[in-house]
Amino acid sequence: MIRSRLHEIANKHGVCNAYQFQKVTGFPNSMAYALWQNEWKLVHLKTLDTLCNLFKCTPNDLLEFTPSNEDEYGI
């Protein structure tokens, strides 16, 4: 499972809600809200690049990976 740590990273930079997030990123409202609400299913590299540059972090800081149960995928 991959979990977003966007709130943790953004909060460290004084961004505490979706409105502030949209203003600092310049993302369209719907995109900013979806990212802020953890409703993203995929993310473009350009979006990750923007977030990493803005928050001075790496993709590894923004995303946390926890191995899933192997049976879940029939492996």
C-alpha atoms as a PDB file:
ATOM      1  CA  MET A   1       0.000   0.000   0.000  1.00  0.00           C
ATOM      2  CA  ILE A   2       1.208   3.485  -0.771  1.00  0.00           C
ATOM      3  CA  ARG A   3       0.184   6.278   1.582  1.00  0.00           C
ATOM      4  CA  SER A   4       0.530  10.006   1.001  1.00  0.00           C
ATOM      5  CA  ARG A   5       2.427  12.063   3.554  1.00  0.00           C
ATOM      6  CA  LEU A   6       1.431  15.311   1.854  1.00  0.00           C
ATOM      7  CA  HIS A   7      -0.254  16.779   4.944  1.00  0.00           C
ATOM      8  CA  GLU A   8       2.799  16.161   7.118  1.00  0.00           C
ATOM      9  CA  ILE A   9       5.161  17.751   4.606  1.00  0.00           C
ATOM     10  CA  ALA A  10       2.848  20.674   3.804  1.00  0.00           C
ATOM     11  CA  ASN A  11       2.156  21.412   7.473  1.00  0.00           C
ATOM     12  CA  LYS A  12       5.903  21.775   8.081  1.00  0.00           C
ATOM     13  CA  HIS A  13       5.804  24.572   5.491  1.00  0.00           C
ATOM     14  CA  GLY A  14       2.786  26.332   6.992  1.00  0.00           C
ATOM     15  CA  VAL A  15       0.222  24.893   4.566  1.00  0.00           C
ATOM     16  CA  CYS A  16      -2.684  23.683   6.689  1.00  0.00           C
ATOM     17  CA  ASN A  17      -5.688  23.316   4.370  1.00  0.00           C
ATOM     18  CA  ALA A  18      -6.732  22.692   0.771  1.00  0.00           C
ATOM     19  CA  TYR A  19      -7.198  26.397   0.046  1.00  0.00           C
ATOM     20  CA  GLN A  20      -3.651  27.264   1.137  1.00  0.00           C
ATOM     21  CA  PHE A  21      -2.350  24.230  -0.745  1.00  0.00           C
ATOM     22  CA  GLN A  22      -4.043  25.379  -3.949  1.00  0.00           C
ATOM     23  CA  LYS A  23      -2.645  28.888  -3.561  1.00  0.00           C
ATOM     24  CA  VAL A  24       0.983  27.802  -3.019  1.00  0.00           C
ATOM     25  CA  THR A  25       0.978  25.115  -5.727  1.00  0.00           C
ATOM     26  CA  GLY A  26      -1.065  26.925  -8.360  1.00  0.00           C
ATOM     27  CA  PHE A  27      -2.815  23.634  -9.153  1.00  0.00           C
ATOM     28  CA  PRO A  28      -6.412  23.822 -10.391  1.00  0.00           C
ATOM     29  CA  ASN A  29      -8.934  23.779  -7.521  1.00  0.00           C
ATOM     30  CA  SER A  30     -10.204  20.269  -8.242  1.00  0.00           C
ATOM     31  CA  MET A  31      -6.695  18.834  -8.466  1.00  0.00           C
ATOM     32  CA  ALA A  32      -5.493  20.565  -5.305  1.00  0.00           C
ATOM     33  CA  TYR A  33      -8.560  19.408  -3.392  1.00  0.00           C
ATOM     34  CA  ALA A  34      -8.188  15.792  -4.587  1.00  0.00           C
ATOM     35  CA  LEU A  35      -4.517  15.706  -3.615  1.00  0.00           C
ATOM     36  CA  TRP A  36      -5.246  17.309  -0.237  1.00  0.00           C
ATOM     37  CA  GLN A  37      -8.075  14.856   0.486  1.00  0.00           C
ATOM     38  CA  ASN A  38      -5.905  11.838  -0.466  1.00  0.00           C
ATOM     39  CA  GLU A  39      -8.252  11.041  -3.351  1.00  0.00           C
ATOM     40  CA  TRP A  40      -5.479  10.605  -5.890  1.00  0.00           C
ATOM     41  CA  LYS A  41      -5.166   7.316  -7.697  1.00  0.00           C
ATOM     42  CA  LEU A  42      -2.281   8.315  -9.937  1.00  0.00           C
ATOM     43  CA  VAL A  43       0.078  11.237 -10.070  1.00  0.00           C
ATOM     44  CA  HIS A  44       2.024  12.682 -12.966  1.00  0.00           C
ATOM     45  CA  LEU A  45       5.763  13.123 -12.643  1.00  0.00           C
ATOM     46  CA  LYS A  46       5.327  16.845 -13.253  1.00  0.00           C
ATOM     47  CA  THR A  47       3.034  17.049 -10.209  1.00  0.00           C
ATOM     48  CA  LEU A  48       5.570  15.205  -8.060  1.00  0.00           C
ATOM     49  CA  ASP A  49       8.295  17.478  -9.394  1.00  0.00           C
ATOM     50  CA  THR A  50       6.272  20.575  -8.460  1.00  0.00           C
ATOM     51  CA  LEU A  51       5.569  19.271  -4.951  1.00  0.00           C
ATOM     52  CA  CYS A  52       9.180  18.234  -4.369  1.00  0.00           C
ATOM     53  CA  ASN A  53      10.538  21.591  -5.515  1.00  0.00           C
ATOM     54  CA  LEU A  54       7.988  23.537  -3.508  1.00  0.00           C
ATOM     55  CA  PHE A  55       8.439  21.587  -0.275  1.00  0.00           C
ATOM     56  CA  LYS A  56      12.165  20.861  -0.746  1.00  0.00           C
ATOM     57  CA  CYS A  57      11.706  17.119  -0.476  1.00  0.00           C
ATOM     58  CA  THR A  58      11.905  13.915  -2.500  1.00  0.00           C
ATOM     59  CA  PRO A  59       9.084  11.645  -3.740  1.00  0.00           C
ATOM     60  CA  ASN A  60      10.151   9.253  -0.985  1.00  0.00           C
ATOM     61  CA  ASP A  61       9.277  11.952   1.574  1.00  0.00           C
ATOM     62  CA  LEU A  62       5.816  12.437   0.062  1.00  0.00           C
ATOM     63  CA  LEU A  63       4.899   8.765  -0.337  1.00  0.00           C
ATOM     64  CA  GLU A  64       5.196   5.926   2.143  1.00  0.00           C
ATOM     65  CA  PHE A  65       5.229   2.320   0.945  1.00  0.00           C
ATOM     66  CA  THR A  66       4.034  -0.574   3.098  1.00  0.00           C
ATOM     67  CA  PRO A  67       4.133  -4.049   1.542  1.00  0.00           C
ATOM     68  CA  SER A  68       0.687  -5.517   0.945  1.00  0.00           C
ATOM     69  CA  ASN A  69      -0.417  -9.030   1.672  1.00  0.00           C
ATOM     70  CA  GLU A  70       0.923 -11.119  -1.225  1.00  0.00           C
ATOM     71  CA  ASP A  71      -2.287 -13.169  -1.371  1.00  0.00           C
ATOM     72  CA  GLU A  72      -4.182 -10.014  -2.245  1.00  0.00           C
ATOM     73  CA  TYR A  73      -2.563 -10.029  -5.700  1.00  0.00           C
ATOM     74  CA  GLY A  74      -2.423 -13.780  -6.212  1.00  0.00           C
ATOM     75  CA  ILE A  75       1.377 -13.869  -6.002  1.00  0.00           C
END
